[in-house]
Amino acid sequence: LPAKDGQHVPPMMFAIAVKPGKGKTPVDQALFKAADSFAGL
């Protein structure tokens, strides 16, 4: 998307559909927690 002005990084995003699945561990939450863990590191 266009940025607010020429000094700001243009907003960008990557989106991928994820489902919880039927297992004990919800797949969508597991992927989000993985992203959170990498960010924490």
All heavy atoms as atom14 arrays in JSON, in Angstrom:
{
  "sequence": "LPAKDGQHVPPMMFAIAVKPGKGKTPVDQALFKAADSFAGL",
  "atom14_mask": [
    [1, 1, 1, 1, 1, 1, 1, 1, 0, 0, 0, 0, 0, 0],
    [1, 1, 1, 1, 1, 1, 1, 0, 0, 0, 0, 0, 0, 0],
    [1, 1, 1, 1, 1, 0, 0, 0, 0, 0, 0, 0, 0, 0],
    [1, 1, 1, 1, 1, 1, 1, 1, 1, 0, 0, 0, 0, 0],
    [1, 1, 1, 1, 1, 1, 1, 1, 0, 0, 0, 0, 0, 0],
    [1, 1, 1, 1, 0, 0, 0, 0, 0, 0, 0, 0, 0, 0],
    [1, 1, 1, 1, 1, 1, 1, 1, 1, 0, 0, 0, 0, 0],
    [1, 1, 1, 1, 1, 1, 1, 1, 1, 1, 0, 0, 0, 0],
    [1, 1, 1, 1, 1, 1, 1, 0, 0, 0, 0, 0, 0, 0],
    [1, 1, 1, 1, 1, 1, 1, 0, 0, 0, 0, 0, 0, 0],
    [1, 1, 1, 1, 1, 1, 1, 0, 0, 0, 0, 0, 0, 0],
    [1, 1, 1, 1, 1, 1, 1, 1, 0, 0, 0, 0, 0, 0],
    [1, 1, 1, 1, 1, 1, 1, 1, 0, 0, 0, 0, 0, 0],
    [1, 1, 1, 1, 1, 1, 1, 1, 1, 1, 1, 0, 0, 0],
    [1, 1, 1, 1, 1, 0, 0, 0, 0, 0, 0, 0, 0, 0],
    [1, 1, 1, 1, 1, 1, 1, 1, 0, 0, 0, 0, 0, 0],
    [1, 1, 1, 1, 1, 0, 0, 0, 0, 0, 0, 0, 0, 0],
    [1, 1, 1, 1, 1, 1, 1, 0, 0, 0, 0, 0, 0, 0],
    [1, 1, 1, 1, 1, 1, 1, 1, 1, 0, 0, 0, 0, 0],
    [1, 1, 1, 1, 1, 1, 1, 0, 0, 0, 0, 0, 0, 0],
    [1, 1, 1, 1, 0, 0, 0, 0, 0, 0, 0, 0, 0, 0],
    [1, 1, 1, 1, 1, 1, 1, 1, 1, 0, 0, 0, 0, 0],
    [1, 1, 1, 1, 0, 0, 0, 0, 0, 0, 0, 0, 0, 0],
    [1, 1, 1, 1, 1, 1, 1, 1, 1, 0, 0, 0, 0, 0],
    [1, 1, 1, 1, 1, 1, 1, 0, 0, 0, 0, 0, 0, 0],
    [1, 1, 1, 1, 1, 1, 1, 0, 0, 0, 0, 0, 0, 0],
    [1, 1, 1, 1, 1, 1, 1, 0, 0, 0, 0, 0, 0, 0],
    [1, 1, 1, 1, 1, 1, 1, 1, 0, 0, 0, 0, 0, 0],
    [1, 1, 1, 1, 1, 1, 1, 1, 1, 0, 0, 0, 0, 0],
    [1, 1, 1, 1, 1, 0, 0, 0, 0, 0, 0, 0, 0, 0],
    [1, 1, 1, 1, 1, 1, 1, 1, 0, 0, 0, 0, 0, 0],
    [1, 1, 1, 1, 1, 1, 1, 1, 1, 1, 1, 0, 0, 0],
    [1, 1, 1, 1, 1, 1, 1, 1, 1, 0, 0, 0, 0, 0],
    [1, 1, 1, 1, 1, 0, 0, 0, 0, 0, 0, 0, 0, 0],
    [1, 1, 1, 1, 1, 0, 0, 0, 0, 0, 0, 0, 0, 0],
    [1, 1, 1, 1, 1, 1, 1, 1, 0, 0, 0, 0, 0, 0],
    [1, 1, 1, 1, 1, 1, 0, 0, 0, 0, 0, 0, 0, 0],
    [1, 1, 1, 1, 1, 1, 1, 1, 1, 1, 1, 0, 0, 0],
    [1, 1, 1, 1, 1, 0, 0, 0, 0, 0, 0, 0, 0, 0],
    [1, 1, 1, 1, 0, 0, 0, 0, 0, 0, 0, 0, 0, 0],
    [1, 1, 1, 1, 1, 1, 1, 1, 0, 0, 0, 0, 0, 0]
  ],
  "atom14_positions": [
    [[0.85, -1.19, 0.0], [0.0, 0.0, 0.0], [0.88, 1.25, 0.0], [2.04, 1.2, 0.4], [-0.9, 0.01, 1.24], [-1.8, -1.21, 1.44], [-2.44, -1.17, 2.81], [-2.87, -1.25, 0.36], [0.0, 0.0, 0.0], [0.0, 0.0, 0.0], [0.0, 0.0, 0.0], [0.0, 0.0, 0.0], [0.0, 0.0, 0.0], [0.0, 0.0, 0.0]],
    [[0.34, 2.39, -0.45], [1.11, 3.64, -0.38], [1.4, 4.02, 1.07], [0.6, 3.77, 1.97], [0.18, 4.67, -1.04], [-0.74, 3.87, -1.89], [-0.94, 2.58, -1.16], [0.0, 0.0, 0.0], [0.0, 0.0, 0.0], [0.0, 0.0, 0.0], [0.0, 0.0, 0.0], [0.0, 0.0, 0.0], [0.0, 0.0, 0.0], [0.0, 0.0, 0.0]],
    [[2.58, 4.61, 1.29], [2.94, 5.06, 2.63], [2.28, 6.4, 2.95], [1.7, 7.04, 2.07], [4.46, 5.2, 2.72], [0.0, 0.0, 0.0], [0.0, 0.0, 0.0], [0.0, 0.0, 0.0], [0.0, 0.0, 0.0], [0.0, 0.0, 0.0], [0.0, 0.0, 0.0], [0.0, 0.0, 0.0], [0.0, 0.0, 0.0], [0.0, 0.0, 0.0]],
    [[2.37, 6.79, 4.21], [1.82, 8.08, 4.6], [2.54, 9.22, 3.89], [1.94, 10.22, 3.52], [1.94, 8.26, 6.12], [1.12, 7.27, 6.94], [1.33, 7.5, 8.43], [0.51, 6.51, 9.25], [0.75, 6.68, 10.71], [0.0, 0.0, 0.0], [0.0, 0.0, 0.0], [0.0, 0.0, 0.0], [0.0, 0.0, 0.0], [0.0, 0.0, 0.0]],
    [[3.84, 9.06, 3.73], [4.64, 10.06, 3.03], [5.91, 9.37, 2.55], [6.12, 8.19, 2.77], [4.97, 11.25, 3.93], [5.63, 10.82, 5.24], [6.63, 10.08, 5.17], [5.13, 11.21, 6.31], [0.0, 0.0, 0.0], [0.0, 0.0, 0.0], [0.0, 0.0, 0.0], [0.0, 0.0, 0.0], [0.0, 0.0, 0.0], [0.0, 0.0, 0.0]],
    [[6.78, 10.14, 1.89], [7.98, 9.58, 1.33], [9.01, 9.14, 2.34], [9.99, 8.47, 1.97], [0.0, 0.0, 0.0], [0.0, 0.0, 0.0], [0.0, 0.0, 0.0], [0.0, 0.0, 0.0], [0.0, 0.0, 0.0], [0.0, 0.0, 0.0], [0.0, 0.0, 0.0], [0.0, 0.0, 0.0], [0.0, 0.0, 0.0], [0.0, 0.0, 0.0]],
    [[8.82, 9.49, 3.61], [9.79, 9.12, 4.64], [9.47, 7.79, 5.31], [10.31, 7.23, 6.0], [9.84, 10.22, 5.72], [10.15, 11.61, 5.18], [11.47, 11.66, 4.45], [12.46, 11.09, 4.91], [11.49, 12.32, 3.3], [0.0, 0.0, 0.0], [0.0, 0.0, 0.0], [0.0, 0.0, 0.0], [0.0, 0.0, 0.0], [0.0, 0.0, 0.0]],
    [[8.25, 7.28, 5.11], [7.83, 6.05, 5.76], [7.94, 4.86, 4.81], [7.76, 5.0, 3.59], [6.39, 6.16, 6.27], [6.24, 6.99, 7.51], [6.41, 8.35, 7.5], [5.95, 6.65, 8.79], [6.23, 8.82, 8.73], [5.95, 7.81, 9.52], [0.0, 0.0, 0.0], [0.0, 0.0, 0.0], [0.0, 0.0, 0.0], [0.0, 0.0, 0.0]],
    [[8.22, 3.7, 5.37], [8.24, 2.46, 4.6], [6.81, 2.14, 4.14], [5.88, 2.19, 4.95], [8.79, 1.3, 5.46], [8.65, -0.03, 4.74], [10.24, 1.56, 5.82], [0.0, 0.0, 0.0], [0.0, 0.0, 0.0], [0.0, 0.0, 0.0], [0.0, 0.0, 0.0], [0.0, 0.0, 0.0], [0.0, 0.0, 0.0], [0.0, 0.0, 0.0]],
    [[6.6, 1.82, 2.86], [5.25, 1.46, 2.41], [4.73, 0.24, 3.17], [5.47, -0.74, 3.35], [5.46, 1.14, 0.93], [6.71, 1.85, 0.54], [7.57, 1.84, 1.76], [0.0, 0.0, 0.0], [0.0, 0.0, 0.0], [0.0, 0.0, 0.0], [0.0, 0.0, 0.0], [0.0, 0.0, 0.0], [0.0, 0.0, 0.0], [0.0, 0.0, 0.0]],
    [[3.49, 0.29, 3.64], [2.93, -0.88, 4.33], [2.84, -2.08, 3.4], [2.33, -1.98, 2.28], [1.52, -0.4, 4.75], [1.59, 1.08, 4.71], [2.55, 1.42, 3.62], [0.0, 0.0, 0.0], [0.0, 0.0, 0.0], [0.0, 0.0, 0.0], [0.0, 0.0, 0.0], [0.0, 0.0, 0.0], [0.0, 0.0, 0.0], [0.0, 0.0, 0.0]],
    [[3.37, -3.22, 3.85], [3.32, -4.46, 3.07], [2.9, -5.59, 3.98], [3.16, -5.55, 5.18], [4.69, -4.76, 2.45], [5.09, -3.79, 1.36], [6.77, -4.1, 0.72], [7.75, -3.33, 2.0], [0.0, 0.0, 0.0], [0.0, 0.0, 0.0], [0.0, 0.0, 0.0], [0.0, 0.0, 0.0], [0.0, 0.0, 0.0], [0.0, 0.0, 0.0]],
    [[2.26, -6.59, 3.4], [1.87, -7.75, 4.2], [1.82, -9.01, 3.36], [1.61, -8.96, 2.14], [0.53, -7.5, 4.89], [-0.68, -7.6, 4.0], [-2.21, -7.26, 4.9], [-2.28, -5.47, 4.74], [0.0, 0.0, 0.0], [0.0, 0.0, 0.0], [0.0, 0.0, 0.0], [0.0, 0.0, 0.0], [0.0, 0.0, 0.0], [0.0, 0.0, 0.0]],
    [[2.03, -10.13, 4.03], [1.86, -11.46, 3.46], [0.76, -12.14, 4.24], [0.77, -12.13, 5.48], [3.16, -12.26, 3.56], [2.99, -13.73, 3.24], [2.89, -14.16, 1.93], [2.93, -14.66, 4.26], [2.74, -15.51, 1.64], [2.78, -16.01, 3.98], [2.68, -16.43, 2.66], [0.0, 0.0, 0.0], [0.0, 0.0, 0.0], [0.0, 0.0, 0.0]],
    [[-0.2, -12.72, 3.55], [-1.34, -13.38, 4.2], [-1.49, -14.78, 3.65], [-1.41, -14.99, 2.43], [-2.62, -12.58, 3.97], [0.0, 0.0, 0.0], [0.0, 0.0, 0.0], [0.0, 0.0, 0.0], [0.0, 0.0, 0.0], [0.0, 0.0, 0.0], [0.0, 0.0, 0.0], [0.0, 0.0, 0.0], [0.0, 0.0, 0.0], [0.0, 0.0, 0.0]],
    [[-1.68, -15.75, 4.52], [-1.94, -17.12, 4.09], [-3.04, -17.71, 4.96], [-3.05, -17.52, 6.19], [-0.66, -17.99, 4.16], [-0.93, -19.38, 3.59], [-0.09, -18.06, 5.57], [0.32, -20.18, 3.31], [0.0, 0.0, 0.0], [0.0, 0.0, 0.0], [0.0, 0.0, 0.0], [0.0, 0.0, 0.0], [0.0, 0.0, 0.0], [0.0, 0.0, 0.0]],
    [[-3.99, -18.37, 4.31], [-5.12, -18.96, 5.04], [-4.64, -20.11, 5.91], [-3.83, -20.94, 5.47], [-6.18, -19.45, 4.06], [0.0, 0.0, 0.0], [0.0, 0.0, 0.0], [0.0, 0.0, 0.0], [0.0, 0.0, 0.0], [0.0, 0.0, 0.0], [0.0, 0.0, 0.0], [0.0, 0.0, 0.0], [0.0, 0.0, 0.0], [0.0, 0.0, 0.0]],
    [[-5.1, -20.15, 7.13], [-4.77, -21.25, 8.05], [-6.04, -21.66, 8.79], [-6.89, -20.83, 9.1], [-3.67, -20.85, 9.07], [-2.34, -20.67, 8.38], [-4.05, -19.59, 9.83], [0.0, 0.0, 0.0], [0.0, 0.0, 0.0], [0.0, 0.0, 0.0], [0.0, 0.0, 0.0], [0.0, 0.0, 0.0], [0.0, 0.0, 0.0], [0.0, 0.0, 0.0]],
    [[-6.15, -22.95, 9.05], [-7.29, -23.49, 9.79], [-6.81, -24.11, 11.09], [-5.66, -24.57, 11.18], [-8.04, -24.52, 8.93], [-8.64, -23.96, 7.65], [-9.46, -25.0, 6.91], [-8.59, -26.06, 6.25], [-7.82, -25.53, 5.11], [0.0, 0.0, 0.0], [0.0, 0.0, 0.0], [0.0, 0.0, 0.0], [0.0, 0.0, 0.0], [0.0, 0.0, 0.0]],
    [[-7.67, -24.19, 12.1], [-7.26, -24.79, 13.37], [-6.94, -26.27, 13.25], [-6.1, -26.8, 13.97], [-8.46, -24.56, 14.29], [-9.25, -23.48, 13.64], [-9.02, -23.61, 12.17], [0.0, 0.0, 0.0], [0.0, 0.0, 0.0], [0.0, 0.0, 0.0], [0.0, 0.0, 0.0], [0.0, 0.0, 0.0], [0.0, 0.0, 0.0], [0.0, 0.0, 0.0]],
    [[-7.64, -26.95, 12.32], [-7.48, -28.4, 12.23], [-8.28, -29.12, 13.3], [-9.01, -28.5, 14.08], [0.0, 0.0, 0.0], [0.0, 0.0, 0.0], [0.0, 0.0, 0.0], [0.0, 0.0, 0.0], [0.0, 0.0, 0.0], [0.0, 0.0, 0.0], [0.0, 0.0, 0.0], [0.0, 0.0, 0.0], [0.0, 0.0, 0.0], [0.0, 0.0, 0.0]],
    [[-8.13, -30.43, 13.37], [-8.92, -31.23, 14.3], [-8.07, -31.88, 15.4], [-8.59, -32.64, 16.21], [-9.66, -32.33, 13.53], [-10.65, -31.77, 12.51], [-11.36, -32.89, 11.76], [-12.35, -32.33, 10.74], [-13.04, -33.42, 9.98], [0.0, 0.0, 0.0], [0.0, 0.0, 0.0], [0.0, 0.0, 0.0], [0.0, 0.0, 0.0], [0.0, 0.0, 0.0]],
    [[-6.78, -31.58, 15.41], [-5.91, -32.17, 16.43], [-5.99, -31.44, 17.75], [-6.71, -30.44, 17.91], [0.0, 0.0, 0.0], [0.0, 0.0, 0.0], [0.0, 0.0, 0.0], [0.0, 0.0, 0.0], [0.0, 0.0, 0.0], [0.0, 0.0, 0.0], [0.0, 0.0, 0.0], [0.0, 0.0, 0.0], [0.0, 0.0, 0.0], [0.0, 0.0, 0.0]],
    [[-5.22, -31.91, 18.71], [-5.22, -31.28, 20.03], [-4.61, -29.88, 19.99], [-5.01, -29.0, 20.73], [-4.44, -32.17, 21.02], [-5.1, -33.51, 21.3], [-4.29, -34.31, 22.32], [-4.96, -35.64, 22.63], [-4.17, -36.44, 23.6], [0.0, 0.0, 0.0], [0.0, 0.0, 0.0], [0.0, 0.0, 0.0], [0.0, 0.0, 0.0], [0.0, 0.0, 0.0]],
    [[-3.61, -29.71, 19.12], [-2.95, -28.4, 19.0], [-3.5, -27.67, 17.79], [-3.33, -28.13, 16.65], [-1.42, -28.58, 18.82], [-0.9, -29.32, 19.92], [-0.73, -27.23, 18.73], [0.0, 0.0, 0.0], [0.0, 0.0, 0.0], [0.0, 0.0, 0.0], [0.0, 0.0, 0.0], [0.0, 0.0, 0.0], [0.0, 0.0, 0.0], [0.0, 0.0, 0.0]],
    [[-4.19, -26.54, 17.96], [-4.71, -25.78, 16.82], [-3.56, -25.31, 15.92], [-2.6, -24.71, 16.4], [-5.43, -24.59, 17.47], [-5.71, -25.03, 18.88], [-4.57, -25.93, 19.25], [0.0, 0.0, 0.0], [0.0, 0.0, 0.0], [0.0, 0.0, 0.0], [0.0, 0.0, 0.0], [0.0, 0.0, 0.0], [0.0, 0.0, 0.0], [0.0, 0.0, 0.0]],
    [[-3.65, -25.62, 14.64], [-2.57, -25.3, 13.7], [-2.37, -23.79, 13.6], [-1.23, -23.31, 13.61], [-2.88, -25.9, 12.32], [-1.82, -25.46, 11.3], [-2.93, -27.42, 12.4], [0.0, 0.0, 0.0], [0.0, 0.0, 0.0], [0.0, 0.0, 0.0], [0.0, 0.0, 0.0], [0.0, 0.0, 0.0], [0.0, 0.0, 0.0], [0.0, 0.0, 0.0]],
    [[-3.46, -23.02, 13.51], [-3.31, -21.57, 13.36], [-2.62, -20.95, 14.58], [-1.73, -20.1, 14.44], [-4.66, -20.91, 13.09], [-5.72, -21.28, 14.12], [-5.47, -22.13, 14.99], [-6.83, -20.7, 14.06], [0.0, 0.0, 0.0], [0.0, 0.0, 0.0], [0.0, 0.0, 0.0], [0.0, 0.0, 0.0], [0.0, 0.0, 0.0], [0.0, 0.0, 0.0]],
    [[-3.0, -21.41, 15.77], [-2.38, -20.86, 16.98], [-0.91, -21.27, 17.08], [-0.06, -20.49, 17.53], [-3.14, -21.34, 18.22], [-4.55, -20.76, 18.35], [-4.54, -19.26, 18.61], [-3.55, -18.72, 19.13], [-5.62, -18.59, 18.27], [0.0, 0.0, 0.0], [0.0, 0.0, 0.0], [0.0, 0.0, 0.0], [0.0, 0.0, 0.0], [0.0, 0.0, 0.0]],
    [[-0.59, -22.5, 16.65], [0.79, -22.97, 16.7], [1.68, -22.13, 15.79], [2.81, -21.77, 16.15], [0.86, -24.44, 16.3], [0.0, 0.0, 0.0], [0.0, 0.0, 0.0], [0.0, 0.0, 0.0], [0.0, 0.0, 0.0], [0.0, 0.0, 0.0], [0.0, 0.0, 0.0], [0.0, 0.0, 0.0], [0.0, 0.0, 0.0], [0.0, 0.0, 0.0]],
    [[1.19, -21.78, 14.6], [1.97, -20.97, 13.67], [2.15, -19.55, 14.2], [3.22, -18.95, 14.07], [1.29, -20.95, 12.3], [1.32, -22.26, 11.52], [0.48, -22.16, 10.26], [2.76, -22.64, 11.17], [0.0, 0.0, 0.0], [0.0, 0.0, 0.0], [0.0, 0.0, 0.0], [0.0, 0.0, 0.0], [0.0, 0.0, 0.0], [0.0, 0.0, 0.0]],
    [[1.1, -19.02, 14.81], [1.2, -17.67, 15.38], [2.19, -17.64, 16.54], [3.0, -16.72, 16.66], [-0.19, -17.21, 15.84], [-0.2, -15.82, 16.44], [0.27, -14.73, 15.73], [-0.68, -15.62, 17.73], [0.26, -13.46, 16.28], [-0.69, -14.35, 18.29], [-0.22, -13.27, 17.56], [0.0, 0.0, 0.0], [0.0, 0.0, 0.0], [0.0, 0.0, 0.0]],
    [[2.15, -18.68, 17.36], [3.1, -18.76, 18.48], [4.53, -18.93, 17.97], [5.48, -18.41, 18.57], [2.72, -19.92, 19.4], [1.45, -19.67, 20.21], [1.12, -20.86, 21.09], [-0.15, -20.59, 21.9], [-0.53, -21.75, 22.74], [0.0, 0.0, 0.0], [0.0, 0.0, 0.0], [0.0, 0.0, 0.0], [0.0, 0.0, 0.0], [0.0, 0.0, 0.0]],
    [[4.7, -19.63, 16.84], [6.03, -19.78, 16.26], [6.57, -18.43, 15.8], [7.73, -18.09, 16.04], [5.99, -20.76, 15.09], [0.0, 0.0, 0.0], [0.0, 0.0, 0.0], [0.0, 0.0, 0.0], [0.0, 0.0, 0.0], [0.0, 0.0, 0.0], [0.0, 0.0, 0.0], [0.0, 0.0, 0.0], [0.0, 0.0, 0.0], [0.0, 0.0, 0.0]],
    [[5.7, -17.63, 15.13], [6.11, -16.29, 14.72], [6.45, -15.44, 15.93], [7.42, -14.67, 15.92], [4.98, -15.64, 13.9], [0.0, 0.0, 0.0], [0.0, 0.0, 0.0], [0.0, 0.0, 0.0], [0.0, 0.0, 0.0], [0.0, 0.0, 0.0], [0.0, 0.0, 0.0], [0.0, 0.0, 0.0], [0.0, 0.0, 0.0], [0.0, 0.0, 0.0]],
    [[5.67, -15.58, 17.0], [5.92, -14.84, 18.23], [7.26, -15.24, 18.84], [8.02, -14.4, 19.33], [4.77, -15.1, 19.21], [4.9, -14.3, 20.5], [5.54, -13.23, 20.47], [4.37, -14.74, 21.53], [0.0, 0.0, 0.0], [0.0, 0.0, 0.0], [0.0, 0.0, 0.0], [0.0, 0.0, 0.0], [0.0, 0.0, 0.0], [0.0, 0.0, 0.0]],
    [[7.57, -16.55, 18.77], [8.83, -17.03, 19.34], [10.03, -16.5, 18.57], [11.04, -16.08, 19.16], [8.86, -18.57, 19.32], [7.83, -19.1, 20.15], [0.0, 0.0, 0.0], [0.0, 0.0, 0.0], [0.0, 0.0, 0.0], [0.0, 0.0, 0.0], [0.0, 0.0, 0.0], [0.0, 0.0, 0.0], [0.0, 0.0, 0.0], [0.0, 0.0, 0.0]],
    [[9.95, -16.5, 17.25], [11.04, -15.96, 16.44], [11.24, -14.48, 16.72], [12.37, -13.99, 16.79], [10.77, -16.2, 14.95], [11.06, -17.59, 14.49], [10.08, -18.38, 13.94], [12.35, -18.11, 14.61], [10.35, -19.67, 13.52], [12.63, -19.4, 14.19], [11.63, -20.19, 13.64], [0.0, 0.0, 0.0], [0.0, 0.0, 0.0], [0.0, 0.0, 0.0]],
    [[10.13, -13.75, 16.86], [10.22, -12.32, 17.17], [10.85, -12.12, 18.54], [11.67, -11.2, 18.74], [8.83, -11.69, 17.12], [0.0, 0.0, 0.0], [0.0, 0.0, 0.0], [0.0, 0.0, 0.0], [0.0, 0.0, 0.0], [0.0, 0.0, 0.0], [0.0, 0.0, 0.0], [0.0, 0.0, 0.0], [0.0, 0.0, 0.0], [0.0, 0.0, 0.0]],
    [[10.48, -12.97, 19.5], [11.06, -12.87, 20.83], [12.56, -13.12, 20.83], [13.32, -12.44, 21.53], [0.0, 0.0, 0.0], [0.0, 0.0, 0.0], [0.0, 0.0, 0.0], [0.0, 0.0, 0.0], [0.0, 0.0, 0.0], [0.0, 0.0, 0.0], [0.0, 0.0, 0.0], [0.0, 0.0, 0.0], [0.0, 0.0, 0.0], [0.0, 0.0, 0.0]],
    [[13.0, -14.09, 20.02], [14.44, -14.36, 19.91], [15.18, -13.17, 19.3], [16.28, -12.82, 19.73], [14.67, -15.61, 19.07], [14.33, -16.95, 19.72], [14.46, -18.08, 18.71], [15.24, -17.21, 20.92], [0.0, 0.0, 0.0], [0.0, 0.0, 0.0], [0.0, 0.0, 0.0], [0.0, 0.0, 0.0], [0.0, 0.0, 0.0], [0.0, 0.0, 0.0]]
  ]
}
